[in-house]
Amino acid sequence: MRMLRELGDTTGCAAALDSLGMVLHEAGFVVGQAKVLGNVGFVLATMGRTEEARQRLAEAAAFAARLGDRHLEATVQHILGYARACDGRFIEAERSYQQALLIREDIGDAEGRASTLEKIGTLLHDTGNPAQGTRYWEAALVVFDEIAHPKAAEVRARLGQY
């Protein structure tokens, strides 16, 4: 599926993920099905099909809540933030990202926390609050550096531009 996404075939990627979700459902693998729904939501959001994306993400959130899977809940909120930003719903996007951030801090997910901090920074930067956005990027960079994540170089370069 990564290959389909890299080739730009997001429709094929969404269809492949949907098929995988059905197989996982039939097999009773609920966690896998929930993760697939989250990924389908992301792919649909990148295709501009944000209403469908939000529906899939709502299903994934329901699975996460039922399972008590906080990591999955944070991931769904993060993707929901992305979908809302794609739809121009910036206040709701920030709210979703902040919710993901709180969960990720609570469960000790450093990589996820850094990723969400970066997304909040980008959202704020792009919506007219560059000073606050830069502070989030700086916070993300600290965490990326702490965990020696390759994304640190990208964030550092972005900060060098401002």
N, C-alpha and C. Protein backbone atom coordinates (compact mmCIF):
# COMPACT_ATOMS: atom_id res chain seq x y z
N MET A 1 0.81 -1.18 0.00
CA MET A 1 0.00 0.00 0.00
C MET A 1 0.86 1.25 0.00
N ARG A 2 2.02 1.18 0.68
CA ARG A 2 2.91 2.32 0.64
C ARG A 2 3.34 2.58 -0.79
N MET A 3 3.57 1.50 -1.55
CA MET A 3 3.96 1.64 -2.94
C MET A 3 2.85 2.34 -3.72
N LEU A 4 1.60 1.96 -3.49
CA LEU A 4 0.49 2.62 -4.18
C LEU A 4 0.45 4.10 -3.85
N ARG A 5 0.65 4.43 -2.56
CA ARG A 5 0.63 5.83 -2.15
C ARG A 5 1.78 6.58 -2.80
N GLU A 6 2.99 5.97 -2.82
CA GLU A 6 4.14 6.62 -3.44
C GLU A 6 3.94 6.82 -4.93
N LEU A 7 3.21 5.92 -5.56
CA LEU A 7 2.95 6.05 -7.00
C LEU A 7 1.79 7.02 -7.27
N GLY A 8 1.17 7.49 -6.21
CA GLY A 8 0.07 8.45 -6.38
C GLY A 8 -1.28 7.80 -6.57
N ASP A 9 -1.37 6.50 -6.39
CA ASP A 9 -2.64 5.80 -6.57
C ASP A 9 -3.37 5.73 -5.24
N THR A 10 -3.86 6.89 -4.78
CA THR A 10 -4.54 6.92 -3.49
C THR A 10 -5.87 6.18 -3.54
N THR A 11 -6.53 6.19 -4.69
CA THR A 11 -7.79 5.45 -4.82
C THR A 11 -7.54 3.96 -4.64
N GLY A 12 -6.51 3.44 -5.31
CA GLY A 12 -6.14 2.03 -5.16
C GLY A 12 -5.74 1.71 -3.74
N CYS A 13 -5.05 2.64 -3.11
CA CYS A 13 -4.62 2.44 -1.73
C CYS A 13 -5.83 2.36 -0.80
N ALA A 14 -6.79 3.26 -0.97
CA ALA A 14 -8.00 3.24 -0.14
C ALA A 14 -8.77 1.95 -0.35
N ALA A 15 -8.88 1.51 -1.60
CA ALA A 15 -9.61 0.28 -1.91
C ALA A 15 -8.90 -0.93 -1.30
N ALA A 16 -7.57 -0.96 -1.39
CA ALA A 16 -6.81 -2.07 -0.82
C ALA A 16 -6.98 -2.10 0.69
N LEU A 17 -6.94 -0.94 1.32
CA LEU A 17 -7.13 -0.88 2.77
C LEU A 17 -8.54 -1.32 3.16
N ASP A 18 -9.54 -0.89 2.39
CA ASP A 18 -10.91 -1.33 2.66
C ASP A 18 -11.02 -2.85 2.60
N SER A 19 -10.41 -3.44 1.59
CA SER A 19 -10.44 -4.91 1.46
C SER A 19 -9.76 -5.57 2.65
N LEU A 20 -8.63 -5.03 3.05
CA LEU A 20 -7.92 -5.56 4.21
C LEU A 20 -8.79 -5.45 5.46
N GLY A 21 -9.48 -4.32 5.61
CA GLY A 21 -10.37 -4.13 6.75
C GLY A 21 -11.46 -5.18 6.80
N MET A 22 -12.02 -5.52 5.64
CA MET A 22 -13.07 -6.55 5.61
C MET A 22 -12.51 -7.91 5.99
N VAL A 23 -11.30 -8.22 5.52
CA VAL A 23 -10.67 -9.50 5.87
C VAL A 23 -10.43 -9.56 7.38
N LEU A 24 -9.93 -8.48 7.94
CA LEU A 24 -9.66 -8.45 9.38
C LEU A 24 -10.95 -8.56 10.18
N HIS A 25 -12.02 -7.94 9.67
CA HIS A 25 -13.32 -8.03 10.33
C HIS A 25 -13.80 -9.48 10.35
N GLU A 26 -13.71 -10.13 9.19
CA GLU A 26 -14.14 -11.53 9.08
C GLU A 26 -13.33 -12.44 10.01
N ALA A 27 -12.04 -12.10 10.19
CA ALA A 27 -11.17 -12.91 11.04
C ALA A 27 -11.34 -12.57 12.52
N GLY A 28 -12.10 -11.50 12.80
CA GLY A 28 -12.30 -11.11 14.19
C GLY A 28 -11.13 -10.36 14.79
N PHE A 29 -10.26 -9.84 13.95
CA PHE A 29 -9.08 -9.10 14.41
C PHE A 29 -9.45 -7.62 14.53
N VAL A 30 -10.06 -7.27 15.66
CA VAL A 30 -10.64 -5.94 15.86
C VAL A 30 -9.58 -4.84 15.86
N VAL A 31 -8.46 -5.08 16.52
CA VAL A 31 -7.41 -4.06 16.59
C VAL A 31 -6.91 -3.73 15.19
N GLY A 32 -6.65 -4.76 14.40
CA GLY A 32 -6.19 -4.53 13.03
C GLY A 32 -7.23 -3.80 12.20
N GLN A 33 -8.48 -4.15 12.38
CA GLN A 33 -9.55 -3.48 11.65
C GLN A 33 -9.61 -2.00 12.02
N ALA A 34 -9.46 -1.70 13.30
CA ALA A 34 -9.49 -0.30 13.75
C ALA A 34 -8.33 0.48 13.15
N LYS A 35 -7.15 -0.12 13.11
CA LYS A 35 -5.98 0.56 12.54
C LYS A 35 -6.17 0.80 11.04
N VAL A 36 -6.75 -0.17 10.36
CA VAL A 36 -7.01 -0.01 8.93
C VAL A 36 -8.00 1.13 8.71
N LEU A 37 -9.05 1.21 9.53
CA LEU A 37 -10.01 2.31 9.38
C LEU A 37 -9.33 3.67 9.54
N GLY A 38 -8.40 3.76 10.48
CA GLY A 38 -7.64 5.00 10.65
C GLY A 38 -6.81 5.32 9.42
N ASN A 39 -6.16 4.30 8.86
CA ASN A 39 -5.36 4.52 7.65
C ASN A 39 -6.23 4.89 6.45
N VAL A 40 -7.39 4.25 6.32
CA VAL A 40 -8.32 4.61 5.24
C VAL A 40 -8.74 6.06 5.41
N GLY A 41 -9.01 6.46 6.65
CA GLY A 41 -9.37 7.85 6.92
C GLY A 41 -8.30 8.82 6.46
N PHE A 42 -7.04 8.47 6.72
CA PHE A 42 -5.93 9.32 6.29
C PHE A 42 -5.87 9.42 4.77
N VAL A 43 -5.95 8.27 4.11
CA VAL A 43 -5.87 8.26 2.64
C VAL A 43 -7.02 9.06 2.04
N LEU A 44 -8.22 8.87 2.57
CA LEU A 44 -9.38 9.61 2.05
C LEU A 44 -9.20 11.12 2.26
N ALA A 45 -8.63 11.51 3.40
CA ALA A 45 -8.38 12.93 3.64
C ALA A 45 -7.39 13.50 2.63
N THR A 46 -6.35 12.73 2.30
CA THR A 46 -5.37 13.22 1.32
C THR A 46 -6.00 13.33 -0.07
N MET A 47 -7.06 12.56 -0.30
CA MET A 47 -7.77 12.61 -1.59
C MET A 47 -8.81 13.73 -1.61
N GLY A 48 -8.97 14.44 -0.49
CA GLY A 48 -9.98 15.49 -0.42
C GLY A 48 -11.37 14.97 -0.09
N ARG A 49 -11.47 13.70 0.22
CA ARG A 49 -12.77 13.10 0.55
C ARG A 49 -12.93 13.12 2.08
N THR A 50 -12.99 14.35 2.62
CA THR A 50 -12.90 14.54 4.06
C THR A 50 -14.13 14.03 4.81
N GLU A 51 -15.31 14.10 4.22
CA GLU A 51 -16.50 13.59 4.91
C GLU A 51 -16.38 12.08 5.11
N GLU A 52 -15.96 11.38 4.06
CA GLU A 52 -15.75 9.93 4.18
C GLU A 52 -14.63 9.63 5.18
N ALA A 53 -13.61 10.46 5.14
CA ALA A 53 -12.49 10.28 6.07
C ALA A 53 -12.98 10.40 7.51
N ARG A 54 -13.78 11.42 7.78
CA ARG A 54 -14.28 11.61 9.14
C ARG A 54 -15.16 10.43 9.57
N GLN A 55 -15.93 9.87 8.64
CA GLN A 55 -16.77 8.70 8.98
C GLN A 55 -15.90 7.50 9.38
N ARG A 56 -14.87 7.24 8.59
CA ARG A 56 -13.99 6.11 8.91
C ARG A 56 -13.26 6.35 10.23
N LEU A 57 -12.85 7.60 10.44
CA LEU A 57 -12.14 7.91 11.67
C LEU A 57 -13.05 7.80 12.89
N ALA A 58 -14.32 8.14 12.71
CA ALA A 58 -15.29 7.97 13.81
C ALA A 58 -15.43 6.49 14.15
N GLU A 59 -15.44 5.63 13.14
CA GLU A 59 -15.51 4.19 13.38
C GLU A 59 -14.25 3.71 14.11
N ALA A 60 -13.11 4.19 13.67
CA ALA A 60 -11.85 3.81 14.31
C ALA A 60 -11.81 4.29 15.76
N ALA A 61 -12.32 5.51 16.00
CA ALA A 61 -12.36 6.04 17.37
C ALA A 61 -13.25 5.20 18.25
N ALA A 62 -14.37 4.74 17.71
CA ALA A 62 -15.28 3.89 18.48
C ALA A 62 -14.59 2.57 18.86
N PHE A 63 -13.86 1.98 17.90
CA PHE A 63 -13.11 0.76 18.19
C PHE A 63 -12.07 1.03 19.29
N ALA A 64 -11.33 2.14 19.15
CA ALA A 64 -10.28 2.47 20.13
C ALA A 64 -10.87 2.62 21.52
N ALA A 65 -12.02 3.29 21.61
CA ALA A 65 -12.66 3.49 22.91
C ALA A 65 -13.11 2.15 23.50
N ARG A 66 -13.71 1.31 22.66
CA ARG A 66 -14.17 0.00 23.12
C ARG A 66 -13.01 -0.87 23.61
N LEU A 67 -11.88 -0.76 22.91
CA LEU A 67 -10.71 -1.57 23.24
C LEU A 67 -9.88 -0.97 24.37
N GLY A 68 -10.12 0.32 24.66
CA GLY A 68 -9.29 1.01 25.65
C GLY A 68 -7.87 1.23 25.14
N ASP A 69 -7.72 1.33 23.84
CA ASP A 69 -6.41 1.47 23.19
C ASP A 69 -6.08 2.96 23.06
N ARG A 70 -5.35 3.49 24.02
CA ARG A 70 -5.03 4.92 24.05
C ARG A 70 -4.10 5.33 22.90
N HIS A 71 -3.20 4.45 22.52
CA HIS A 71 -2.31 4.77 21.40
C HIS A 71 -3.12 4.94 20.12
N LEU A 72 -4.02 4.02 19.89
CA LEU A 72 -4.88 4.10 18.72
C LEU A 72 -5.78 5.34 18.80
N GLU A 73 -6.28 5.63 19.98
CA GLU A 73 -7.12 6.82 20.16
C GLU A 73 -6.34 8.09 19.79
N ALA A 74 -5.09 8.18 20.22
CA ALA A 74 -4.25 9.33 19.88
C ALA A 74 -4.00 9.41 18.38
N THR A 75 -3.73 8.26 17.77
CA THR A 75 -3.48 8.23 16.33
C THR A 75 -4.71 8.69 15.55
N VAL A 76 -5.87 8.24 15.96
CA VAL A 76 -7.11 8.64 15.29
C VAL A 76 -7.34 10.14 15.45
N GLN A 77 -7.11 10.67 16.64
CA GLN A 77 -7.28 12.11 16.84
C GLN A 77 -6.29 12.91 15.98
N HIS A 78 -5.07 12.41 15.87
CA HIS A 78 -4.06 13.07 15.04
C HIS A 78 -4.50 13.09 13.57
N ILE A 79 -4.97 11.95 13.08
CA ILE A 79 -5.42 11.89 11.68
C ILE A 79 -6.67 12.74 11.49
N LEU A 80 -7.54 12.75 12.49
CA LEU A 80 -8.73 13.59 12.42
C LEU A 80 -8.35 15.06 12.34
N GLY A 81 -7.32 15.44 13.06
CA GLY A 81 -6.81 16.81 12.96
C GLY A 81 -6.38 17.13 11.53
N TYR A 82 -5.69 16.19 10.92
CA TYR A 82 -5.25 16.36 9.53
C TYR A 82 -6.46 16.49 8.61
N ALA A 83 -7.45 15.61 8.77
CA ALA A 83 -8.64 15.65 7.91
C ALA A 83 -9.38 16.98 8.07
N ARG A 84 -9.50 17.44 9.30
CA ARG A 84 -10.19 18.72 9.53
C ARG A 84 -9.40 19.89 8.95
N ALA A 85 -8.09 19.84 9.03
CA ALA A 85 -7.27 20.89 8.43
C ALA A 85 -7.43 20.89 6.91
N CYS A 86 -7.48 19.70 6.31
CA CYS A 86 -7.68 19.60 4.86
C CYS A 86 -9.02 20.20 4.45
N ASP A 87 -9.98 20.13 5.34
CA ASP A 87 -11.33 20.62 5.09
C ASP A 87 -11.48 22.11 5.46
N GLY A 88 -10.41 22.73 5.93
CA GLY A 88 -10.47 24.14 6.31
C GLY A 88 -11.09 24.38 7.68
N ARG A 89 -11.24 23.35 8.46
CA ARG A 89 -11.82 23.46 9.80
C ARG A 89 -10.68 23.52 10.82
N PHE A 90 -10.00 24.68 10.81
CA PHE A 90 -8.73 24.81 11.52
C PHE A 90 -8.86 24.78 13.04
N ILE A 91 -9.92 25.36 13.58
CA ILE A 91 -10.09 25.34 15.03
C ILE A 91 -10.34 23.92 15.50
N GLU A 92 -11.19 23.19 14.77
CA GLU A 92 -11.46 21.79 15.11
C GLU A 92 -10.20 20.94 14.91
N ALA A 93 -9.43 21.27 13.89
CA ALA A 93 -8.18 20.54 13.63
C ALA A 93 -7.24 20.70 14.81
N GLU A 94 -7.07 21.93 15.27
CA GLU A 94 -6.18 22.16 16.41
C GLU A 94 -6.69 21.43 17.65
N ARG A 95 -8.00 21.43 17.84
CA ARG A 95 -8.59 20.74 18.99
C ARG A 95 -8.27 19.23 18.93
N SER A 96 -8.39 18.64 17.74
CA SER A 96 -8.07 17.22 17.60
C SER A 96 -6.59 16.95 17.85
N TYR A 97 -5.72 17.80 17.29
CA TYR A 97 -4.29 17.65 17.51
C TYR A 97 -3.96 17.78 19.00
N GLN A 98 -4.58 18.75 19.68
CA GLN A 98 -4.31 18.94 21.11
C GLN A 98 -4.76 17.73 21.91
N GLN A 99 -5.88 17.15 21.53
CA GLN A 99 -6.36 15.95 22.21
C GLN A 99 -5.38 14.79 22.00
N ALA A 100 -4.89 14.64 20.77
CA ALA A 100 -3.88 13.61 20.48
C ALA A 100 -2.63 13.85 21.31
N LEU A 101 -2.22 15.11 21.42
CA LEU A 101 -1.02 15.46 22.17
C LEU A 101 -1.16 15.09 23.65
N LEU A 102 -2.31 15.40 24.23
CA LEU A 102 -2.54 15.07 25.64
C LEU A 102 -2.45 13.56 25.88
N ILE A 103 -3.07 12.80 25.00
CA ILE A 103 -3.02 11.34 25.14
C ILE A 103 -1.59 10.84 24.99
N ARG A 104 -0.90 11.36 23.99
CA ARG A 104 0.47 10.90 23.74
C ARG A 104 1.40 11.24 24.90
N GLU A 105 1.19 12.41 25.51
CA GLU A 105 1.97 12.75 26.69
C GLU A 105 1.64 11.80 27.83
N ASP A 106 0.36 11.50 28.00
CA ASP A 106 -0.10 10.64 29.08
C ASP A 106 0.46 9.21 28.97
N ILE A 107 0.56 8.70 27.75
CA ILE A 107 1.03 7.32 27.58
C ILE A 107 2.54 7.24 27.32
N GLY A 108 3.21 8.38 27.26
CA GLY A 108 4.65 8.38 27.08
C GLY A 108 5.12 8.08 25.67
N ASP A 109 4.33 8.45 24.68
CA ASP A 109 4.66 8.21 23.27
C ASP A 109 5.45 9.41 22.73
N ALA A 110 6.77 9.35 22.90
CA ALA A 110 7.62 10.49 22.51
C ALA A 110 7.56 10.78 21.02
N GLU A 111 7.67 9.76 20.20
CA GLU A 111 7.64 9.98 18.75
C GLU A 111 6.31 10.57 18.30
N GLY A 112 5.23 10.01 18.82
CA GLY A 112 3.90 10.53 18.49
C GLY A 112 3.72 11.95 18.98
N ARG A 113 4.23 12.23 20.18
CA ARG A 113 4.15 13.58 20.73
C ARG A 113 4.87 14.58 19.83
N ALA A 114 6.07 14.22 19.40
CA ALA A 114 6.85 15.11 18.53
C ALA A 114 6.13 15.34 17.20
N SER A 115 5.57 14.28 16.65
CA SER A 115 4.85 14.39 15.38
C SER A 115 3.64 15.32 15.51
N THR A 116 2.91 15.19 16.60
CA THR A 116 1.74 16.03 16.81
C THR A 116 2.15 17.47 17.09
N LEU A 117 3.21 17.66 17.87
CA LEU A 117 3.72 19.03 18.10
C LEU A 117 4.07 19.69 16.77
N GLU A 118 4.71 18.92 15.90
CA GLU A 118 5.08 19.47 14.59
C GLU A 118 3.84 19.85 13.77
N LYS A 119 2.82 18.98 13.78
CA LYS A 119 1.60 19.28 13.02
C LYS A 119 0.89 20.51 13.58
N ILE A 120 0.83 20.64 14.89
CA ILE A 120 0.21 21.83 15.49
C ILE A 120 1.00 23.07 15.07
N GLY A 121 2.32 22.98 15.10
CA GLY A 121 3.15 24.11 14.68
C GLY A 121 2.88 24.50 13.23
N THR A 122 2.77 23.52 12.36
CA THR A 122 2.50 23.80 10.95
C THR A 122 1.12 24.42 10.78
N LEU A 123 0.14 23.86 11.47
CA LEU A 123 -1.22 24.41 11.40
C LEU A 123 -1.24 25.87 11.85
N LEU A 124 -0.61 26.16 12.98
CA LEU A 124 -0.58 27.53 13.49
C LEU A 124 0.17 28.45 12.54
N HIS A 125 1.28 27.97 12.04
CA HIS A 125 2.08 28.75 11.09
C HIS A 125 1.26 29.09 9.85
N ASP A 126 0.57 28.10 9.33
CA ASP A 126 -0.18 28.27 8.09
C ASP A 126 -1.46 29.08 8.26
N THR A 127 -1.92 29.22 9.49
CA THR A 127 -3.17 29.95 9.72
C THR A 127 -2.93 31.30 10.39
N GLY A 128 -1.72 31.83 10.24
CA GLY A 128 -1.47 33.21 10.65
C GLY A 128 -0.91 33.42 12.04
N ASN A 129 -0.40 32.38 12.66
CA ASN A 129 0.21 32.54 13.97
C ASN A 129 1.61 31.93 13.96
N PRO A 130 2.53 32.56 13.18
CA PRO A 130 3.85 31.96 13.02
C PRO A 130 4.68 31.90 14.30
N ALA A 131 4.53 32.86 15.20
CA ALA A 131 5.32 32.83 16.42
C ALA A 131 4.95 31.63 17.28
N GLN A 132 3.66 31.41 17.44
CA GLN A 132 3.23 30.27 18.24
C GLN A 132 3.55 28.96 17.51
N GLY A 133 3.39 28.95 16.18
CA GLY A 133 3.74 27.77 15.40
C GLY A 133 5.21 27.41 15.56
N THR A 134 6.06 28.41 15.55
CA THR A 134 7.50 28.19 15.71
C THR A 134 7.80 27.58 17.07
N ARG A 135 7.09 28.01 18.12
CA ARG A 135 7.31 27.44 19.45
C ARG A 135 6.97 25.94 19.45
N TYR A 136 5.92 25.56 18.75
CA TYR A 136 5.57 24.13 18.67
C TYR A 136 6.63 23.37 17.89
N TRP A 137 7.14 23.97 16.80
CA TRP A 137 8.20 23.31 16.04
C TRP A 137 9.44 23.11 16.92
N GLU A 138 9.77 24.15 17.72
CA GLU A 138 10.93 24.04 18.60
C GLU A 138 10.74 22.91 19.62
N ALA A 139 9.54 22.81 20.17
CA ALA A 139 9.24 21.74 21.12
C ALA A 139 9.35 20.37 20.43
N ALA A 140 8.86 20.29 19.20
CA ALA A 140 8.95 19.03 18.45
C ALA A 140 10.41 18.67 18.21
N LEU A 141 11.21 19.66 17.87
CA LEU A 141 12.63 19.41 17.59
C LEU A 141 13.34 18.85 18.83
N VAL A 142 13.03 19.39 19.99
CA VAL A 142 13.65 18.89 21.23
C VAL A 142 13.38 17.39 21.38
N VAL A 143 12.13 17.00 21.17
CA VAL A 143 11.77 15.58 21.33
C VAL A 143 12.40 14.74 20.22
N PHE A 144 12.32 15.21 18.97
CA PHE A 144 12.94 14.46 17.88
C PHE A 144 14.44 14.26 18.14
N ASP A 145 15.11 15.30 18.65
CA ASP A 145 16.54 15.16 18.99
C ASP A 145 16.75 14.15 20.11
N GLU A 146 15.89 14.20 21.13
CA GLU A 146 16.02 13.28 22.27
C GLU A 146 15.94 11.82 21.84
N ILE A 147 15.10 11.55 20.85
CA ILE A 147 14.92 10.16 20.42
C ILE A 147 15.72 9.85 19.15
N ALA A 148 16.57 10.79 18.76
CA ALA A 148 17.43 10.62 17.57
C ALA A 148 16.61 10.25 16.34
N HIS A 149 15.52 10.98 16.13
CA HIS A 149 14.63 10.71 15.00
C HIS A 149 15.11 11.47 13.77
N PRO A 150 15.09 10.83 12.59
CA PRO A 150 15.56 11.51 11.38
C PRO A 150 14.75 12.76 11.02
N LYS A 151 13.54 12.87 11.51
CA LYS A 151 12.69 14.03 11.22
C LYS A 151 13.27 15.31 11.85
N ALA A 152 14.18 15.17 12.80
CA ALA A 152 14.78 16.33 13.46
C ALA A 152 15.45 17.25 12.44
N ALA A 153 16.13 16.68 11.46
CA ALA A 153 16.82 17.50 10.46
C ALA A 153 15.84 18.34 9.66
N GLU A 154 14.71 17.76 9.31
CA GLU A 154 13.69 18.49 8.55
C GLU A 154 13.12 19.66 9.37
N VAL A 155 12.82 19.40 10.63
CA VAL A 155 12.26 20.44 11.49
C VAL A 155 13.31 21.53 11.73
N ARG A 156 14.55 21.13 11.94
CA ARG A 156 15.63 22.09 12.15
C ARG A 156 15.79 22.99 10.92
N ALA A 157 15.72 22.40 9.74
CA ALA A 157 15.83 23.19 8.50
C ALA A 157 14.66 24.16 8.38
N ARG A 158 13.47 23.70 8.70
CA ARG A 158 12.30 24.57 8.63
C ARG A 158 12.45 25.75 9.59
N LEU A 159 12.93 25.47 10.79
CA LEU A 159 13.14 26.54 11.78
C LEU A 159 14.20 27.54 11.28
N GLY A 160 15.18 27.04 10.54
CA GLY A 160 16.21 27.92 9.99
C GLY A 160 15.69 28.89 8.95
N GLN A 161 14.53 28.60 8.39
CA GLN A 161 13.93 29.47 7.37
C GLN A 161 13.21 30.66 7.98
N TYR A 162 12.93 30.60 9.29
CA TYR A 162 12.13 31.66 9.92
C TYR A 162 12.90 32.36 11.00
